[in-house]
Protein backbone atom coordinates (compact mmCIF):
# COMPACT_ATOMS: atom_id res chain seq x y z
CA UNK A 1 0.00 0.00 0.00
CA UNK A 2 2.96 2.34 0.53
CA UNK A 3 3.63 2.08 -3.20
CA UNK A 4 0.14 3.45 -3.80
CA UNK A 5 0.74 6.46 -1.56
CA UNK A 6 4.04 7.18 -3.24
CA UNK A 7 2.42 7.04 -6.65
CA UNK A 8 -0.27 9.49 -5.58
CA UNK A 9 2.28 11.90 -4.14
CA UNK A 10 1.04 15.45 -3.61
CA UNK A 11 -1.40 15.60 -6.49
CA UNK A 12 -5.08 16.09 -5.90
CA UNK A 13 -6.07 14.74 -9.31
CA UNK A 14 -4.56 11.33 -10.10
CA UNK A 15 -4.03 9.48 -13.41
CA UNK A 16 -4.04 11.47 -16.66
CA UNK A 17 -5.05 14.76 -15.14
CA UNK A 18 -2.30 15.15 -12.59
CA UNK A 19 0.24 14.26 -15.28
CA UNK A 20 -1.17 16.82 -17.68
CA UNK A 21 0.71 19.61 -15.92
CA UNK A 22 3.98 17.77 -16.43
CA UNK A 23 3.24 17.22 -20.09
CA UNK A 24 2.89 20.96 -20.67
CA UNK A 25 6.14 22.00 -19.02
CA UNK A 26 5.06 22.18 -15.41
CA UNK A 27 8.45 23.57 -14.36
CA UNK A 28 7.38 26.84 -16.00
CA UNK A 29 3.90 26.92 -14.51
CA UNK A 30 2.83 28.63 -11.33
CA UNK A 31 0.66 26.71 -8.90
CA UNK A 32 -2.41 28.49 -10.26
CA UNK A 33 -1.56 27.59 -13.84
CA UNK A 34 -0.90 23.97 -12.90
CA UNK A 35 -4.34 23.90 -11.30
CA UNK A 36 -5.85 25.42 -14.43
CA UNK A 37 -4.15 22.77 -16.57
CA UNK A 38 -5.39 19.94 -14.37
CA UNK A 39 -8.93 21.33 -14.21
CA UNK A 40 -8.90 21.84 -17.98
CA UNK A 41 -8.09 18.20 -18.59
CA UNK A 42 -10.90 17.05 -16.32
CA UNK A 43 -13.41 19.36 -17.98
CA UNK A 44 -12.42 18.41 -21.53
CA UNK A 45 -12.79 14.75 -20.61
CA UNK A 46 -16.22 15.42 -19.11
CA UNK A 47 -17.44 17.29 -22.21
CA UNK A 48 -16.28 14.48 -24.48
CA UNK A 49 -18.07 11.86 -22.39
CA UNK A 50 -21.24 13.89 -21.96
CA UNK A 51 -21.83 14.91 -25.59
CA UNK A 52 -19.58 12.58 -27.60
CA UNK A 53 -16.48 13.29 -29.68
CA UNK A 54 -18.56 13.43 -32.87
CA UNK A 55 -20.26 16.63 -31.68
CA UNK A 56 -17.09 18.43 -30.62
CA UNK A 57 -15.30 20.97 -32.77
CA UNK A 58 -12.09 23.00 -32.51
CA UNK A 59 -12.86 26.62 -33.28
CA UNK A 60 -10.01 29.09 -33.81
CA UNK A 61 -10.88 32.78 -33.76
CA UNK A 62 -8.34 35.24 -35.14
CA UNK A 63 -8.81 39.00 -35.04
CA UNK A 64 -9.06 40.93 -38.29
CA UNK A 65 -6.60 43.52 -36.98
CA UNK A 66 -3.41 43.18 -34.95
CA UNK A 67 -4.89 43.05 -31.44
CA UNK A 68 -2.20 43.21 -28.75
CA UNK A 69 -4.25 44.41 -25.78
CA UNK A 70 -5.63 41.43 -23.87
CA UNK A 71 -8.43 43.51 -22.37
CA UNK A 72 -9.55 44.71 -25.78
CA UNK A 73 -9.44 41.12 -26.97
CA UNK A 74 -11.57 40.07 -24.01
CA UNK A 75 -14.06 42.86 -24.67
CA UNK A 76 -14.62 41.64 -28.22
CA UNK A 77 -14.74 38.01 -27.19
CA UNK A 78 -17.26 38.72 -24.42
CA UNK A 79 -19.54 40.40 -26.94
CA UNK A 80 -19.26 37.40 -29.26
CA UNK A 81 -19.85 35.04 -26.36
CA UNK A 82 -22.97 36.87 -25.19
CA UNK A 83 -24.64 37.22 -28.57
CA UNK A 84 -23.43 34.13 -30.44
CA UNK A 85 -21.54 31.42 -28.59
CA UNK A 86 -23.87 30.96 -25.63
CA UNK A 87 -26.89 30.49 -27.86
CA UNK A 88 -25.31 28.63 -30.77
CA UNK A 89 -23.40 25.94 -28.84
CA UNK A 90 -24.45 23.67 -25.98
CA UNK A 91 -21.17 24.38 -24.19
CA UNK A 92 -17.66 25.62 -24.90
CA UNK A 93 -14.21 25.97 -23.36
CA UNK A 94 -12.07 28.93 -24.42
CA UNK A 95 -8.25 29.21 -24.24
CA UNK A 96 -6.36 32.44 -24.94
CA UNK A 97 -3.09 32.35 -26.85
CA UNK A 98 -0.63 35.16 -27.41
CA UNK A 99 1.68 34.49 -30.33
CA UNK A 100 5.36 35.44 -30.37
CA UNK A 101 4.43 38.58 -32.29
CA UNK A 102 2.23 39.55 -29.35
CA UNK A 103 -0.97 39.10 -31.35
CA UNK A 104 -3.85 37.42 -29.51
CA UNK A 105 -6.24 34.79 -30.74
CA UNK A 106 -8.55 32.20 -29.19
CA UNK A 107 -8.94 28.45 -29.36
CA UNK A 108 -12.28 26.95 -28.37
CA UNK A 109 -13.67 23.49 -27.91
CA UNK A 110 -17.36 23.79 -28.81
CA UNK A 111 -20.30 21.38 -28.58
CA UNK A 112 -22.47 21.38 -31.69
CA UNK A 113 -25.97 20.00 -32.17
CA UNK A 114 -24.92 17.64 -34.97
CA UNK A 115 -22.28 15.02 -35.72
CA UNK A 116 -19.48 16.72 -37.69
CA UNK A 117 -16.86 13.99 -37.31
CA UNK A 118 -18.28 10.84 -38.95
CA UNK A 119 -16.96 10.47 -42.49
CA UNK A 120 -14.64 13.47 -42.22
CA UNK A 121 -11.38 12.86 -44.10
CA UNK A 122 -8.66 14.66 -42.12
CA UNK A 123 -5.90 13.80 -44.62
CA UNK A 124 -7.91 15.15 -47.55
CA UNK A 125 -8.57 18.40 -45.71
CA UNK A 126 -4.83 18.98 -45.40
CA UNK A 127 -4.72 18.87 -49.22
CA UNK A 128 -7.58 21.41 -49.37
CA UNK A 129 -10.09 18.76 -50.40
CA UNK A 130 -13.25 19.58 -48.44
CA UNK A 131 -15.71 17.15 -50.07
CA UNK A 132 -15.90 14.93 -46.95
CA UNK A 133 -17.22 17.77 -44.77
CA UNK A 134 -20.81 17.17 -43.70
CA UNK A 135 -23.65 19.54 -44.44
CA UNK A 136 -23.72 20.54 -40.77
CA UNK A 137 -20.03 21.45 -40.81
CA UNK A 138 -20.34 23.36 -44.08
CA UNK A 139 -23.21 25.30 -42.55
CA UNK A 140 -20.99 26.27 -39.61
CA UNK A 141 -18.25 27.46 -41.96
CA UNK A 142 -20.75 29.62 -43.83
CA UNK A 143 -22.12 31.02 -40.59
CA UNK A 144 -18.70 32.11 -39.35
CA UNK A 145 -17.82 33.71 -42.68
CA UNK A 146 -20.95 35.84 -42.32
CA UNK A 147 -20.64 36.56 -38.58
CA UNK A 148 -17.00 36.92 -37.54
CA UNK A 149 -16.41 40.36 -39.06
CA UNK A 150 -19.26 41.97 -37.11
CA UNK A 151 -17.42 41.22 -33.85
CA UNK A 152 -13.97 42.28 -34.98
CA UNK A 153 -12.72 38.82 -35.92
CA UNK A 154 -11.15 37.80 -39.21
CA UNK A 155 -10.19 34.28 -40.25
CA UNK A 156 -11.95 31.49 -38.39
CA UNK A 157 -11.46 27.74 -38.55
CA UNK A 158 -13.78 25.02 -37.26
CA UNK A 159 -12.80 21.36 -37.55
CA UNK A 160 -13.92 18.11 -35.93
CA UNK A 161 -11.86 16.55 -33.16
CA UNK A 162 -9.41 14.02 -34.55
CA UNK A 163 -7.88 12.55 -31.40
CA UNK A 164 -9.24 10.97 -28.25
CA UNK A 165 -10.54 12.93 -25.30
CA UNK A 166 -7.13 12.55 -23.64
CA UNK A 167 -5.46 13.97 -26.73
CA UNK A 168 -7.78 16.95 -26.70
CA UNK A 169 -6.86 17.75 -23.10
CA UNK A 170 -3.15 17.74 -23.94
CA UNK A 171 -3.65 19.71 -27.16
CA UNK A 172 -5.76 22.45 -25.60
CA UNK A 173 -3.76 22.47 -22.38
CA UNK A 174 -0.48 23.19 -24.14
CA UNK A 175 -1.68 26.73 -24.85
CA UNK A 176 -1.45 27.54 -21.15
CA UNK A 177 2.27 26.83 -21.24
CA UNK A 178 2.71 28.40 -24.68
CA UNK A 179 1.04 31.61 -23.58
CA UNK A 180 3.33 31.99 -20.58
CA UNK A 181 6.35 32.21 -22.84
CA UNK A 182 4.90 35.25 -24.63
CA UNK A 183 2.76 36.84 -21.93
CA UNK A 184 3.16 40.48 -21.00
CA UNK A 185 2.96 42.20 -17.65
CA UNK A 186 -0.32 43.73 -18.82
CA UNK A 187 -1.79 40.21 -19.10
CA UNK A 188 -1.81 39.81 -15.33
CA UNK A 189 -5.33 39.04 -14.17
CA UNK A 190 -6.51 37.89 -17.61
CA UNK A 191 -8.02 34.41 -17.63
CA UNK A 192 -6.18 31.95 -19.84
CA UNK A 193 -9.08 29.49 -19.72
CA UNK A 194 -12.80 30.23 -19.51
CA UNK A 195 -15.89 28.00 -19.49
CA UNK A 196 -19.47 28.39 -20.57
CA UNK A 197 -22.33 27.14 -18.41
CA UNK A 198 -22.35 23.35 -18.35
CA UNK A 199 -18.72 23.01 -19.47
CA UNK A 200 -17.08 22.78 -16.05
CA UNK A 201 -17.03 19.94 -13.52
CA UNK A 202 -13.69 20.87 -11.95
CA UNK A 203 -12.43 24.28 -10.91
CA UNK A 204 -9.09 25.66 -9.76
CA UNK A 205 -10.38 26.06 -6.21
CA UNK A 206 -8.24 23.30 -4.81
CA UNK A 207 -4.73 23.08 -3.43
CA UNK A 208 -2.10 20.56 -4.42
CA UNK A 209 -0.85 20.46 -0.82
CA UNK A 210 -3.72 20.92 1.58
CA UNK A 211 -5.87 19.08 4.08
CA UNK A 212 -8.37 18.54 1.29
CA UNK A 213 -5.69 16.94 -0.86
CA UNK A 214 -4.56 14.81 2.07
CA UNK A 215 -8.14 13.66 2.66
CA UNK A 216 -8.46 12.77 -1.03
CA UNK A 217 -5.28 10.69 -0.84
CA UNK A 218 -6.55 8.87 2.26
CA UNK A 219 -9.78 8.07 0.47
CA UNK A 220 -7.83 6.85 -2.55
CA UNK A 221 -5.83 4.53 -0.31
CA UNK A 222 -9.04 3.11 1.13
CA UNK A 223 -10.56 2.82 -2.34
CA UNK A 224 -7.53 0.93 -3.67
CA UNK A 225 -7.74 -1.51 -0.75
CA UNK A 226 -11.45 -2.10 -1.32
CA UNK A 227 -10.97 -2.72 -5.02
CA UNK A 228 -8.12 -5.12 -4.32
CA UNK A 229 -10.14 -7.05 -1.71
CA UNK A 230 -13.11 -7.26 -4.08
CA UNK A 231 -10.79 -8.63 -6.78
CA UNK A 232 -11.67 -5.73 -9.07
CA UNK A 233 -8.09 -4.52 -8.99
CA UNK A 234 -4.95 -6.58 -9.70
CA UNK A 235 -2.90 -4.65 -7.13
CA UNK A 236 -3.55 -1.76 -4.67
CA UNK A 237 -1.45 0.68 -6.70
CA UNK A 238 -2.15 3.48 -9.16
CA UNK A 239 -0.92 1.22 -11.95
CA UNK A 240 -3.16 -1.59 -10.77
CA UNK A 241 -6.21 0.67 -10.68
CA UNK A 242 -5.45 2.03 -14.12
CA UNK A 243 -5.03 -1.46 -15.61
CA UNK A 244 -8.08 -2.96 -13.92
CA UNK A 245 -10.54 -0.03 -14.02
CA UNK A 246 -9.37 1.85 -17.09
CA UNK A 247 -7.42 5.09 -17.64
CA UNK A 248 -10.27 7.31 -16.43
CA UNK A 249 -11.06 5.41 -13.24
CA UNK A 250 -10.71 8.46 -10.98
CA UNK A 251 -13.29 10.40 -12.97
CA UNK A 252 -15.80 7.54 -13.15
CA UNK A 253 -15.42 6.59 -9.48
CA UNK A 254 -14.99 10.11 -8.04
CA UNK A 255 -18.41 10.25 -6.33
CA UNK A 256 -17.88 6.89 -4.65
CA UNK A 257 -14.35 7.85 -3.58
CA UNK A 258 -15.55 11.13 -2.07
CA UNK A 259 -18.29 9.28 -0.17
CA UNK A 260 -15.78 7.07 1.64
CA UNK A 261 -15.10 7.83 5.32
CA UNK A 262 -12.05 9.97 5.95
């Protein structure tokens, strides 16, 4: 059982989501940004499981002009969010990126009403062959061509999700680390990640080293022992839980784990 405690370490969120911070250069991230990265991975996973990968799309919003002021960028985005995004999509997660030039743009994971993934030929799209795009996806492209300019945006791109839910979390999460390398002092206080209603199951209101984290680890230890005794787990370790219960065991069993006595 000591091996289990060592594998949990000081992380509140085990398995994929605690490792996500490491994968996006955690040595460069503050505690708050590591929390944001971990929460982002949980929330992306939850969106994928709730609505299905086939209804998810990556939406990139680029400004028509050279926007450098993060607050001006947020003003425009908030207007777009209020009048378009909140009514057009079931949910969305937004990540801000500042390029090396200082120019700002946004990456979003959006939930559409229709399947835009089935039959989509990702290789053909790279060769500018768009015949595999569904009618629903073509309709979205046409909508953004008509709409983006009115809110100060220029080129937009909306594509289906190609990877797994885990891959999405890593892909979107990398922008937290990427932004830090180009962020300005004026960016202080600007949210790197934002969520619409219904898009968040985890927040950054936790501590990696706290009594709450310690309680979570104690419950995990008890959970591992119970699974091992019930023969549902090959060994009372993080590896054993992952092999026996699947890579997302902590998410699927979180309610039961939290209900265990401390």
